[in-house]
């Protein structure tokens, strides 16, 4: 699952989310948006690392709970139904669309029988999502979006962003179209209005050589919507969960997301990786959850995180609460696994019995465990030899029903030497549990 993207993930040092794809809906869904990022401004190693299988495409008629105003808005803009198909699982983005936050672009480029059209975009200073269509005017082809570059004047916006996009090696029939999005999550505020987007697309047709073309687009977004619009709520509230102190510093709410600033006490005995169910709720219990289909958070320092939630920017709740009940974590004493690649034995492993089995083979270590979460995580993203050099190759995971899962990490046996080999967890299937509610306003 992770092989193709993992090398890039190791360099972006961000936290991303993974949404499990229901097997009975695979024919109706598209699992796109694997994180393909290039970021050079990440001073700290990332802890939440899983790939986002993020864009589920369902028929428009299944959309429910759409207000009359939104229905009218959808019918007034050509292609808007495809926007809804992509963002319908994010309450904050749906609310932004309902409040006229989608801007029409309508520019196209054509190369070798492939037409790509940038239809529209939704943007604030923290996020940009570009909705596009790929049309195949010639014989069927496997089409892959290989590279994305966004600039504004002399500014390379790729350097300040986590990037994800769909259409990675998809078969598109003659005269058929597919719809997807390109998603930018900006580390620092983005306030530009003139953009140039270059897309490198690989096309493979039957009995033809693989073609690689660059599609180019120029477009403008309304400065009134791009410039900073943010509500800030100071929190400075500390809670203790199983003797682990966590301080919530502030909440920044923009039209497209809510950023929650969190600090973990340096004296905590556990490394805390991720909140499984953290959310904002109002007095009616209406939730705004983790920001699916994109960047879930970023790391400020070894003890400080930013967690991104769905935005309630366009709502006016009388009361607002922060709630969670489960945090993934492991004792700091158990943060590493050490193996002997010669004897194929485990030298050091966690003592909490979360893993029912850890197996070492010629060039792989596998971890078997059971958990009730539907989603899976990348638990380890590097293997270090006795000289401090990486011998990591790739990792993968699998599910066997009844919550039983296996995560495997592979290493280069030729470079591993006699060991030992050390692996550090960047996520963990163990939890601390305690229902916690904090009143924000």
Protein backbone atom coordinates (compact mmCIF):
# COMPACT_ATOMS: atom_id res chain seq x y z
CA UNK A 1 0.00 0.00 0.00
CA UNK A 2 2.74 2.48 0.92
CA UNK A 3 5.55 1.51 -1.41
CA UNK A 4 5.21 4.18 -4.09
CA UNK A 5 4.64 7.15 -1.82
CA UNK A 6 6.65 6.36 1.28
CA UNK A 7 9.95 7.81 0.19
CA UNK A 8 8.32 11.21 -0.22
CA UNK A 9 6.38 10.89 3.01
CA UNK A 10 9.63 10.44 4.91
CA UNK A 11 10.76 13.86 3.73
CA UNK A 12 7.65 15.96 4.33
CA UNK A 13 7.45 15.34 8.09
CA UNK A 14 3.73 15.97 8.27
CA UNK A 15 0.75 14.10 9.61
CA UNK A 16 -1.74 12.75 7.15
CA UNK A 17 -4.92 10.83 7.47
CA UNK A 18 -6.07 7.52 6.07
CA UNK A 19 -9.68 6.65 5.40
CA UNK A 20 -10.55 2.99 4.98
CA UNK A 21 -12.33 2.10 1.73
CA UNK A 22 -15.37 -0.15 2.32
CA UNK A 23 -14.89 -3.27 0.17
CA UNK A 24 -18.53 -3.33 -0.91
CA UNK A 25 -18.25 0.22 -2.25
CA UNK A 26 -15.01 -0.07 -4.19
CA UNK A 27 -16.83 -0.10 -7.53
CA UNK A 28 -18.50 3.18 -6.63
CA UNK A 29 -15.49 4.87 -5.12
CA UNK A 30 -12.20 6.21 -6.29
CA UNK A 31 -9.31 6.02 -3.88
CA UNK A 32 -7.22 8.90 -5.05
CA UNK A 33 -5.21 11.62 -3.44
CA UNK A 34 -2.20 9.61 -2.35
CA UNK A 35 0.14 12.12 -0.84
CA UNK A 36 2.75 13.19 -3.40
CA UNK A 37 4.46 16.03 -1.65
CA UNK A 38 7.61 18.01 -1.85
CA UNK A 39 8.20 20.16 1.18
CA UNK A 40 11.50 21.63 2.27
CA UNK A 41 10.41 23.51 5.40
CA UNK A 42 9.89 20.75 7.93
CA UNK A 43 12.39 21.01 10.81
CA UNK A 44 11.02 18.08 12.81
CA UNK A 45 10.29 14.43 12.20
CA UNK A 46 6.62 13.61 11.70
CA UNK A 47 4.64 11.29 13.98
CA UNK A 48 1.29 10.80 12.27
CA UNK A 49 2.10 9.09 8.99
CA UNK A 50 -0.51 7.30 6.93
CA UNK A 51 -1.52 7.82 3.32
CA UNK A 52 -4.84 9.44 2.55
CA UNK A 53 -7.09 7.32 0.40
CA UNK A 54 -9.29 10.29 0.28
CA UNK A 55 -11.53 10.98 -2.63
CA UNK A 56 -14.65 8.83 -2.77
CA UNK A 57 -16.77 9.43 -5.85
CA UNK A 58 -20.43 8.46 -5.44
CA UNK A 59 -23.49 9.29 -7.55
CA UNK A 60 -24.79 12.76 -6.91
CA UNK A 61 -28.30 11.57 -6.14
CA UNK A 62 -27.07 9.90 -2.93
CA UNK A 63 -26.19 13.27 -1.42
CA UNK A 64 -28.54 14.06 1.45
CA UNK A 65 -28.99 16.85 3.97
CA UNK A 66 -28.35 19.55 1.34
CA UNK A 67 -30.06 22.85 2.04
CA UNK A 68 -32.37 24.40 -0.59
CA UNK A 69 -29.95 27.31 -0.95
CA UNK A 70 -27.10 24.93 -1.71
CA UNK A 71 -29.21 22.94 -4.17
CA UNK A 72 -29.96 26.16 -6.03
CA UNK A 73 -26.30 27.11 -5.96
CA UNK A 74 -25.27 23.73 -7.35
CA UNK A 75 -27.71 23.98 -10.26
CA UNK A 76 -26.41 27.43 -11.22
CA UNK A 77 -22.78 26.42 -11.83
CA UNK A 78 -21.86 23.87 -14.53
CA UNK A 79 -19.94 20.94 -13.09
CA UNK A 80 -20.70 21.87 -9.48
CA UNK A 81 -22.13 18.42 -8.83
CA UNK A 82 -18.62 17.00 -9.17
CA UNK A 83 -17.36 19.40 -6.51
CA UNK A 84 -20.00 18.09 -4.16
CA UNK A 85 -19.09 14.48 -4.95
CA UNK A 86 -15.54 15.16 -3.79
CA UNK A 87 -16.15 17.29 -0.69
CA UNK A 88 -19.43 15.82 0.58
CA UNK A 89 -17.67 13.99 3.42
CA UNK A 90 -16.25 17.20 4.87
CA UNK A 91 -18.80 19.29 6.69
CA UNK A 92 -16.59 22.39 6.74
CA UNK A 93 -15.96 22.38 2.98
CA UNK A 94 -19.63 21.75 2.28
CA UNK A 95 -20.52 24.73 4.43
CA UNK A 96 -17.95 26.87 2.59
CA UNK A 97 -19.43 25.80 -0.76
CA UNK A 98 -22.92 26.64 0.46
CA UNK A 99 -21.68 30.10 1.40
CA UNK A 100 -20.44 30.88 -2.12
CA UNK A 101 -16.81 30.02 -1.44
CA UNK A 102 -16.29 28.04 -4.67
CA UNK A 103 -14.70 30.11 -7.45
CA UNK A 104 -15.06 29.20 -11.12
CA UNK A 105 -11.83 28.81 -13.16
CA UNK A 106 -12.78 27.22 -16.50
CA UNK A 107 -9.40 26.92 -18.26
CA UNK A 108 -8.27 23.92 -20.35
CA UNK A 109 -5.22 22.51 -22.08
CA UNK A 110 -4.99 19.62 -24.56
CA UNK A 111 -2.11 17.30 -25.44
CA UNK A 112 -2.22 14.07 -27.51
CA UNK A 113 -5.97 13.56 -27.19
CA UNK A 114 -6.09 14.33 -23.47
CA UNK A 115 -7.98 17.41 -22.31
CA UNK A 116 -7.55 18.65 -18.75
CA UNK A 117 -9.90 21.35 -17.50
CA UNK A 118 -9.53 23.25 -14.25
CA UNK A 119 -13.18 23.75 -13.37
CA UNK A 120 -13.19 25.60 -10.05
CA UNK A 121 -11.39 26.08 -6.76
CA UNK A 122 -12.04 26.60 -3.10
CA UNK A 123 -9.39 28.49 -1.16
CA UNK A 124 -8.37 30.33 1.96
CA UNK A 125 -4.94 31.20 3.37
CA UNK A 126 -4.42 27.67 4.68
CA UNK A 127 -5.92 25.42 1.97
CA UNK A 128 -6.44 25.35 -1.79
CA UNK A 129 -8.45 22.66 -3.55
CA UNK A 130 -8.59 22.75 -7.35
CA UNK A 131 -11.33 20.69 -9.00
CA UNK A 132 -10.44 19.35 -12.43
CA UNK A 133 -11.63 17.03 -15.21
CA UNK A 134 -9.56 14.68 -17.38
CA UNK A 135 -11.18 13.86 -20.72
CA UNK A 136 -9.82 11.23 -23.11
CA UNK A 137 -10.69 12.12 -26.75
CA UNK A 138 -8.76 9.25 -28.29
CA UNK A 139 -8.55 5.48 -27.73
CA UNK A 140 -8.54 4.19 -24.16
CA UNK A 141 -5.49 5.09 -22.12
CA UNK A 142 -3.94 4.70 -18.72
CA UNK A 143 -3.43 8.24 -17.51
CA UNK A 144 -1.28 9.19 -14.57
CA UNK A 145 -0.75 12.60 -13.03
CA UNK A 146 2.97 12.45 -12.29
CA UNK A 147 3.94 15.91 -11.09
CA UNK A 148 2.23 19.09 -9.94
CA UNK A 149 3.81 22.53 -9.64
CA UNK A 150 1.99 25.67 -8.51
CA UNK A 151 3.59 29.09 -8.71
CA UNK A 152 2.57 32.70 -8.23
CA UNK A 153 4.97 35.07 -9.93
CA UNK A 154 8.43 34.01 -8.73
CA UNK A 155 7.01 32.15 -5.71
CA UNK A 156 7.12 28.34 -5.85
CA UNK A 157 4.08 27.43 -3.74
CA UNK A 158 5.09 23.75 -3.66
CA UNK A 159 7.80 24.68 -1.16
CA UNK A 160 5.23 25.79 1.39
CA UNK A 161 2.69 23.01 1.08
CA UNK A 162 1.59 19.44 1.47
CA UNK A 163 0.21 18.31 -1.89
CA UNK A 164 -2.15 15.49 -2.79
CA UNK A 165 -3.95 14.64 -6.01
CA UNK A 166 -5.89 11.96 -7.81
CA UNK A 167 -5.64 10.28 -11.21
CA UNK A 168 -2.60 8.18 -10.51
CA UNK A 169 -2.52 5.55 -13.28
CA UNK A 170 -6.23 5.31 -14.13
CA UNK A 171 -7.71 3.69 -17.25
CA UNK A 172 -10.04 6.09 -19.07
CA UNK A 173 -12.07 4.91 -22.06
CA UNK A 174 -12.51 6.79 -25.36
CA UNK A 175 -14.63 9.94 -24.93
CA UNK A 176 -14.92 9.35 -21.18
CA UNK A 177 -14.03 11.77 -18.38
CA UNK A 178 -12.93 11.52 -14.78
CA UNK A 179 -13.18 14.15 -12.07
CA UNK A 180 -10.83 14.74 -9.16
CA UNK A 181 -9.01 17.48 -7.24
CA UNK A 182 -5.55 18.79 -6.45
CA UNK A 183 -5.17 19.72 -2.80
CA UNK A 184 -2.67 22.14 -1.29
CA UNK A 185 -2.28 22.45 2.48
CA UNK A 186 -0.05 25.43 3.23
CA UNK A 187 2.40 25.49 6.11
CA UNK A 188 2.57 29.29 6.17
CA UNK A 189 -0.36 31.55 5.18
CA UNK A 190 -0.89 31.89 1.42
CA UNK A 191 -2.35 35.16 0.12
CA UNK A 192 -1.68 35.17 -3.64
CA UNK A 193 -4.30 35.67 -6.34
CA UNK A 194 -2.46 34.99 -9.64
CA UNK A 195 -1.44 31.39 -10.26
CA UNK A 196 0.30 29.21 -12.81
CA UNK A 197 -0.19 25.44 -12.58
CA UNK A 198 1.99 22.92 -14.45
CA UNK A 199 0.88 19.28 -14.59
CA UNK A 200 3.11 16.50 -15.92
CA UNK A 201 0.87 13.71 -17.23
CA UNK A 202 1.94 10.24 -18.34
CA UNK A 203 -0.27 8.54 -20.95
CA UNK A 204 -0.05 4.88 -22.01
CA UNK A 205 -2.23 3.71 -24.92
CA UNK A 206 -2.39 0.16 -26.32
CA UNK A 207 0.45 -0.60 -28.74
CA UNK A 208 1.93 2.88 -28.21
CA UNK A 209 4.90 4.23 -26.36
CA UNK A 210 4.34 5.99 -23.08
CA UNK A 211 3.92 9.73 -23.65
CA UNK A 212 4.73 12.39 -21.07
CA UNK A 213 3.28 15.86 -21.55
CA UNK A 214 3.22 19.08 -19.54
CA UNK A 215 -0.16 20.81 -19.27
CA UNK A 216 -0.05 24.49 -18.33
CA UNK A 217 -2.74 26.72 -16.87
CA UNK A 218 -2.93 30.31 -15.69
CA UNK A 219 -5.80 31.51 -13.53
CA UNK A 220 -6.77 34.06 -10.93
CA UNK A 221 -8.67 33.71 -7.65
CA UNK A 222 -10.56 36.52 -5.94
CA UNK A 223 -8.27 38.37 -3.52
CA UNK A 224 -11.23 39.03 -1.21
CA UNK A 225 -11.52 35.30 -0.60
CA UNK A 226 -7.78 34.58 -0.58
CA UNK A 227 -6.74 37.19 1.96
CA UNK A 228 -6.68 36.30 5.59
CA UNK A 229 -9.99 35.58 7.31
CA UNK A 230 -9.49 34.01 10.69
CA UNK A 231 -11.15 33.79 14.07
CA UNK A 232 -8.84 33.00 16.98
CA UNK A 233 -9.89 31.57 20.34
CA UNK A 234 -7.34 31.45 23.17
CA UNK A 235 -7.68 28.25 25.21
CA UNK A 236 -4.63 27.58 27.42
CA UNK A 237 -6.38 24.64 29.06
CA UNK A 238 -4.50 21.62 30.40
CA UNK A 239 -5.98 18.17 30.91
CA UNK A 240 -4.51 14.93 32.25
CA UNK A 241 -5.33 11.63 30.54
CA UNK A 242 -3.91 8.59 32.32
CA UNK A 243 -1.31 10.90 33.91
CA UNK A 244 -0.28 12.36 30.55
CA UNK A 245 -0.60 16.16 30.51
CA UNK A 246 -1.88 17.84 27.37
CA UNK A 247 -2.34 21.58 26.91
CA UNK A 248 -4.60 23.04 24.25
CA UNK A 249 -3.20 26.49 23.48
CA UNK A 250 -5.50 28.05 20.91
CA UNK A 251 -7.96 27.44 18.09
CA UNK A 252 -7.69 29.25 14.75
CA UNK A 253 -10.78 28.98 12.55
CA UNK A 254 -10.67 29.84 8.84
CA UNK A 255 -13.39 29.23 6.24
CA UNK A 256 -11.94 25.86 5.22
CA UNK A 257 -10.41 24.42 8.40
CA UNK A 258 -9.88 24.82 12.12
CA UNK A 259 -6.34 24.60 13.51
CA UNK A 260 -5.99 23.36 17.10
CA UNK A 261 -2.60 24.03 18.74
CA UNK A 262 -1.58 21.30 21.19
CA UNK A 263 1.39 20.95 23.55
CA UNK A 264 2.47 17.75 25.32
CA UNK A 265 4.24 17.95 28.67
CA UNK A 266 7.93 17.07 28.37
CA UNK A 267 7.65 14.97 31.54
CA UNK A 268 5.00 12.69 30.05
CA UNK A 269 6.00 9.03 30.18
CA UNK A 270 4.27 8.25 26.89
CA UNK A 271 4.80 9.36 23.31
CA UNK A 272 1.37 10.49 22.08
CA UNK A 273 0.81 10.22 18.35
CA UNK A 274 -2.78 11.05 17.41
CA UNK A 275 -6.28 11.71 18.71
CA UNK A 276 -8.60 9.18 17.12
CA UNK A 277 -11.88 10.99 17.66
CA UNK A 278 -11.11 14.60 18.55
CA UNK A 279 -13.84 17.02 17.47
CA UNK A 280 -15.56 20.32 18.11
CA UNK A 281 -19.21 20.10 19.17
CA UNK A 282 -21.89 22.69 19.76
CA UNK A 283 -24.68 22.79 22.35
CA UNK A 284 -26.73 20.43 20.17
CA UNK A 285 -23.93 17.88 19.90
CA UNK A 286 -23.24 18.71 16.24
CA UNK A 287 -19.64 17.57 15.55
CA UNK A 288 -16.80 19.01 13.46
CA UNK A 289 -14.26 16.21 13.25
CA UNK A 290 -10.72 15.63 12.04
CA UNK A 291 -10.12 17.06 8.59
CA UNK A 292 -10.48 14.04 6.32
CA UNK A 293 -9.34 14.10 2.67
CA UNK A 294 -6.23 16.10 3.35
CA UNK A 295 -3.67 17.18 5.89
CA UNK A 296 -4.67 16.19 9.42
CA UNK A 297 -1.93 18.10 11.18
CA UNK A 298 1.66 19.27 11.31
CA UNK A 299 4.41 19.18 13.88
CA UNK A 300 5.72 22.45 15.31
CA UNK A 301 8.29 20.81 17.59
CA UNK A 302 8.90 17.51 19.37
CA UNK A 303 6.21 18.46 21.91
CA UNK A 304 3.89 20.72 19.87
CA UNK A 305 1.39 19.86 17.17
CA UNK A 306 -1.26 21.55 15.08
CA UNK A 307 -4.36 19.41 14.50
CA UNK A 308 -6.74 20.32 11.68
CA UNK A 309 -10.48 19.91 12.15
CA UNK A 310 -13.47 20.61 9.96
CA UNK A 311 -14.31 24.29 10.04
CA UNK A 312 -17.39 25.73 11.72
CA UNK A 313 -16.50 29.20 10.41
CA UNK A 314 -19.95 29.81 8.94
CA UNK A 315 -21.80 28.59 12.02
CA UNK A 316 -22.65 30.59 15.14
CA UNK A 317 -22.96 28.08 17.99
CA UNK A 318 -24.06 29.39 21.38
CA UNK A 319 -21.67 26.98 23.05
CA UNK A 320 -18.58 25.21 21.75
CA UNK A 321 -16.77 22.21 23.20
CA UNK A 322 -13.64 20.20 22.43
CA UNK A 323 -14.15 16.46 22.92
CA UNK A 324 -12.08 13.29 22.58
CA UNK A 325 -11.91 9.87 24.20
CA UNK A 326 -8.97 7.98 22.69
CA UNK A 327 -5.33 8.83 21.96
CA UNK A 328 -2.83 6.57 20.20
CA UNK A 329 0.41 6.29 22.13
CA UNK A 330 3.18 4.12 23.57
CA UNK A 331 5.54 4.29 26.54
CA UNK A 332 8.70 6.22 25.69
CA UNK A 333 10.65 3.17 26.90
CA UNK A 334 8.96 1.13 24.16
CA UNK A 335 9.38 3.58 21.31
CA UNK A 336 11.95 1.43 19.50
CA UNK A 337 12.10 -2.12 18.16
CA UNK A 338 15.54 -3.69 17.73
CA UNK A 339 16.19 -6.89 15.76
CA UNK A 340 19.13 -9.17 14.95
CA UNK A 341 18.98 -9.73 11.15
CA UNK A 342 21.42 -12.65 11.33
CA UNK A 343 19.62 -14.69 13.99
CA UNK A 344 16.26 -13.33 12.80
CA UNK A 345 15.28 -12.53 16.38
CA UNK A 346 13.74 -9.58 18.21
CA UNK A 347 16.17 -8.01 20.67
CA UNK A 348 13.87 -5.30 22.03
CA UNK A 349 10.12 -4.83 21.67
CA UNK A 350 7.20 -3.10 23.45
CA UNK A 351 6.17 -4.68 26.73
CA UNK A 352 2.48 -3.76 26.59
CA UNK A 353 1.37 -6.87 24.66
CA UNK A 354 -0.24 -4.80 21.89
CA UNK A 355 1.47 -7.00 19.28
CA UNK A 356 0.44 -10.64 19.39
CA UNK A 357 3.38 -11.54 17.16
CA UNK A 358 6.55 -9.89 15.82
CA UNK A 359 8.30 -11.97 13.18
CA UNK A 360 11.71 -11.44 11.54
CA UNK A 361 12.47 -12.98 8.15
CA UNK A 362 15.34 -12.56 5.72
CA UNK A 363 14.54 -8.93 4.86
CA UNK A 364 11.29 -8.11 6.64
CA UNK A 365 9.81 -7.51 10.08
CA UNK A 366 6.07 -7.99 10.52
CA UNK A 367 3.84 -6.89 13.39
CA UNK A 368 0.51 -8.63 14.03
CA UNK A 369 -2.07 -6.89 16.22
CA UNK A 370 -5.78 -6.42 16.74
CA UNK A 371 -7.70 -3.14 16.94
CA UNK A 372 -11.24 -1.97 16.31
CA UNK A 373 -10.35 0.97 14.05
CA UNK A 374 -11.28 0.50 10.40
CA UNK A 375 -8.34 2.54 9.19
CA UNK A 376 -4.73 1.40 9.09
CA UNK A 377 -1.55 3.27 9.87
CA UNK A 378 2.06 3.34 8.84
CA UNK A 379 3.75 2.37 12.11
CA UNK A 380 7.40 2.63 11.03
CA UNK A 381 9.03 4.52 8.17
CA UNK A 382 12.72 3.78 8.61
CA UNK A 383 15.19 1.03 9.52
CA UNK A 384 18.60 2.09 10.88
CA UNK A 385 21.71 -0.09 10.90
CA UNK A 386 24.53 -0.19 13.47
CA UNK A 387 26.28 2.73 11.72
CA UNK A 388 23.23 4.98 11.83
CA UNK A 389 22.51 4.52 8.12
CA UNK A 390 19.07 3.82 6.69
CA UNK A 391 18.56 0.38 5.12
CA UNK A 392 14.82 0.86 4.75
CA UNK A 393 13.07 -0.29 1.55
CA UNK A 394 9.30 -0.08 1.96
CA UNK A 395 6.36 -1.06 4.15
CA UNK A 396 2.85 -2.40 3.73
CA UNK A 397 -0.13 -3.51 5.75
CA UNK A 398 -2.96 -6.01 5.53
CA UNK A 399 -6.19 -6.93 7.26
CA UNK A 400 -7.47 -10.43 8.03
CA UNK A 401 -10.94 -9.77 9.45
CA UNK A 402 -12.19 -9.40 13.01
CA UNK A 403 -9.86 -6.46 13.52
CA UNK A 404 -6.70 -8.51 13.00
CA UNK A 405 -4.01 -6.58 11.13
CA UNK A 406 -0.43 -6.96 10.08
CA UNK A 407 2.12 -4.24 9.36
CA UNK A 408 5.36 -5.17 7.62
CA UNK A 409 8.55 -3.19 7.04
CA UNK A 410 11.23 -4.35 4.61
CA UNK A 411 14.95 -3.61 4.72
CA UNK A 412 17.89 -4.12 2.36
CA UNK A 413 19.54 -7.29 3.64
CA UNK A 414 22.69 -6.65 1.60
CA UNK A 415 23.30 -3.38 3.43
CA UNK A 416 22.03 -4.43 6.85
CA UNK A 417 25.22 -6.22 7.86
CA UNK A 418 25.21 -8.19 11.09
CA UNK A 419 22.99 -5.68 12.86
CA UNK A 420 21.48 -4.71 15.10
CA UNK A 421 18.71 -2.90 13.20
CA UNK A 422 16.60 -0.27 14.95
CA UNK A 423 13.08 0.87 14.06
CA UNK A 424 11.26 3.75 15.74
CA UNK A 425 7.47 3.98 15.87
CA UNK A 426 5.87 6.99 14.19
CA UNK A 427 2.38 5.70 15.03
CA UNK A 428 1.11 2.97 17.32
CA UNK A 429 -1.97 0.74 17.65
CA UNK A 430 -2.08 1.14 21.43
CA UNK A 431 -4.35 3.63 23.16
CA UNK A 432 -5.02 5.60 26.29
CA UNK A 433 -8.73 6.09 26.81
CA UNK A 434 -10.66 8.66 28.80
CA UNK A 435 -13.66 10.65 27.72
CA UNK A 436 -12.70 14.33 27.92
CA UNK A 437 -14.80 17.45 27.31
CA UNK A 438 -13.41 20.99 27.40
CA UNK A 439 -15.71 23.98 27.13
CA UNK A 440 -14.31 26.53 24.68
CA UNK A 441 -17.09 29.10 24.68
